[in-house]
C-alpha atoms as a PDB file:
ATOM      1  CA  MET A   1       0.000   0.000   0.000  1.00  0.00           C
ATOM      2  CA  ASN A   2       1.154   3.526  -0.731  1.00  0.00           C
ATOM      3  CA  SER A   3      -0.871   5.624   1.714  1.00  0.00           C
ATOM      4  CA  LYS A   4      -0.066   9.302   1.885  1.00  0.00           C
ATOM      5  CA  TYR A   5      -2.064   9.813   5.083  1.00  0.00           C
ATOM      6  CA  GLU A   6      -0.221  10.490   8.303  1.00  0.00           C
ATOM      7  CA  ILE A   7      -0.205   7.592  10.786  1.00  0.00           C
ATOM      8  CA  ILE A   8       0.514   8.194  14.464  1.00  0.00           C
ATOM      9  CA  ILE A   9       1.569   5.128  16.474  1.00  0.00           C
ATOM     10  CA  TYR A  10       1.764   4.943  20.267  1.00  0.00           C
ATOM     11  CA  TRP A  11       1.749   2.324  23.015  1.00  0.00           C
ATOM     12  CA  SER A  12      -1.458   1.961  25.050  1.00  0.00           C
ATOM     13  CA  GLU A  13      -1.033   0.464  28.522  1.00  0.00           C
ATOM     14  CA  GLU A  14      -4.820   0.174  28.800  1.00  0.00           C
ATOM     15  CA  ASP A  15      -5.030  -1.962  25.648  1.00  0.00           C
ATOM     16  CA  SER A  16      -1.609  -3.612  26.000  1.00  0.00           C
ATOM     17  CA  ALA A  17      -1.071  -2.891  22.325  1.00  0.00           C
ATOM     18  CA  PHE A  18       0.338  -0.372  19.881  1.00  0.00           C
ATOM     19  CA  ILE A  19      -2.383   1.943  18.544  1.00  0.00           C
ATOM     20  CA  ALA A  20      -2.111   3.431  15.054  1.00  0.00           C
ATOM     21  CA  GLU A  21      -4.329   6.382  14.149  1.00  0.00           C
ATOM     22  CA  ALA A  22      -4.867   8.202  10.860  1.00  0.00           C
ATOM     23  CA  PRO A  23      -6.020  11.587  12.209  1.00  0.00           C
ATOM     24  CA  GLU A  24      -7.064  12.923   8.790  1.00  0.00           C
ATOM     25  CA  LEU A  25      -9.639  10.116   8.471  1.00  0.00           C
ATOM     26  CA  PRO A  26     -12.153  10.352  11.341  1.00  0.00           C
ATOM     27  CA  GLY A  27     -12.373   7.157  13.387  1.00  0.00           C
ATOM     28  CA  CYS A  28      -9.659   5.412  11.360  1.00  0.00           C
ATOM     29  CA  MET A  29      -7.453   3.474  13.752  1.00  0.00           C
ATOM     30  CA  ALA A  30      -5.963   0.031  14.257  1.00  0.00           C
ATOM     31  CA  ASP A  31      -3.883  -1.834  16.804  1.00  0.00           C
ATOM     32  CA  GLY A  32      -1.238  -4.528  16.957  1.00  0.00           C
ATOM     33  CA  GLN A  33       1.019  -6.395  19.356  1.00  0.00           C
ATOM     34  CA  THR A  34       4.091  -4.877  17.662  1.00  0.00           C
ATOM     35  CA  TYR A  35       4.806  -1.500  16.096  1.00  0.00           C
ATOM     36  CA  GLN A  36       5.102  -3.128  12.665  1.00  0.00           C
ATOM     37  CA  GLU A  37       1.837  -5.051  13.080  1.00  0.00           C
ATOM     38  CA  SER A  38      -0.061  -1.901  14.073  1.00  0.00           C
ATOM     39  CA  LEU A  39       1.359  -0.081  11.022  1.00  0.00           C
ATOM     40  CA  ALA A  40       0.379  -2.920   8.661  1.00  0.00           C
ATOM     41  CA  ASN A  41      -3.106  -3.044  10.186  1.00  0.00           C
ATOM     42  CA  ALA A  42      -3.447   0.745   9.875  1.00  0.00           C
ATOM     43  CA  GLU A  43      -2.526   0.632   6.197  1.00  0.00           C
ATOM     44  CA  ARG A  44      -5.209  -2.015   5.597  1.00  0.00           C
ATOM     45  CA  ILE A  45      -7.806  -0.065   7.595  1.00  0.00           C
ATOM     46  CA  ILE A  46      -7.009   3.161   5.701  1.00  0.00           C
ATOM     47  CA  GLN A  47      -7.681   1.346   2.424  1.00  0.00           C
ATOM     48  CA  GLU A  48     -10.963  -0.034   3.790  1.00  0.00           C
ATOM     49  CA  TRP A  49     -11.947   3.425   5.113  1.00  0.00           C
ATOM     50  CA  LEU A  50     -11.368   4.955   1.676  1.00  0.00           C
ATOM     51  CA  GLU A  51     -13.276   2.169  -0.116  1.00  0.00           C
ATOM     52  CA  THR A  52     -16.244   2.511   2.256  1.00  0.00           C
ATOM     53  CA  ALA A  53     -16.322   6.305   1.879  1.00  0.00           C
ATOM     54  CA  LYS A  54     -16.358   5.914  -1.929  1.00  0.00           C
ATOM     55  CA  GLU A  55     -19.160   3.334  -1.781  1.00  0.00           C
ATOM     56  CA  LEU A  56     -21.256   5.618   0.449  1.00  0.00           C
ATOM     57  CA  GLY A  57     -20.526   8.723  -1.622  1.00  0.00           C
ATOM     58  CA  ARG A  58     -18.859  10.483   1.298  1.00  0.00           C
ATOM     59  CA  PRO A  59     -16.122  13.069   0.814  1.00  0.00           C
ATOM     60  CA  ILE A  60     -12.555  11.825   1.107  1.00  0.00           C
ATOM     61  CA  PRO A  61     -10.090  14.253   2.694  1.00  0.00           C
ATOM     62  CA  ARG A  62      -6.961  14.962   0.676  1.00  0.00           C
ATOM     63  CA  PRO A  63      -3.770  13.793   2.384  1.00  0.00           C
ATOM     64  CA  LYS A  64      -1.985  16.751   3.951  1.00  0.00           C
ATOM     65  CA  GLY A  65       1.146  14.936   4.976  1.00  0.00           C
ATOM     66  CA  ARG A  66       2.717  16.113   8.190  1.00  0.00           C
ATOM     67  CA  LEU A  67       0.238  17.960  10.380  1.00  0.00           C
ATOM     68  CA  LEU A  68       1.268  21.307  11.766  1.00  0.00           C
ATOM     69  CA  TYR A  69       0.339  20.445  15.341  1.00  0.00           C
ATOM     70  CA  ALA A  70       2.021  17.026  15.396  1.00  0.00           C
END
């Protein structure tokens, strides 16, 4: 996958997992037991998010790259 959306990955003690979020795509997040697994899962979920938005006729935000506040 060649996603241009920013992905933020952090460790969650509460979930005992790495959490990967795509902040430009509301509600788009994934997890994994390793950093690499959470990234791979996030890439898959981003693709599914985009496909679902297209199917429902919803607007798809343009990738902005690095966010100013990050």
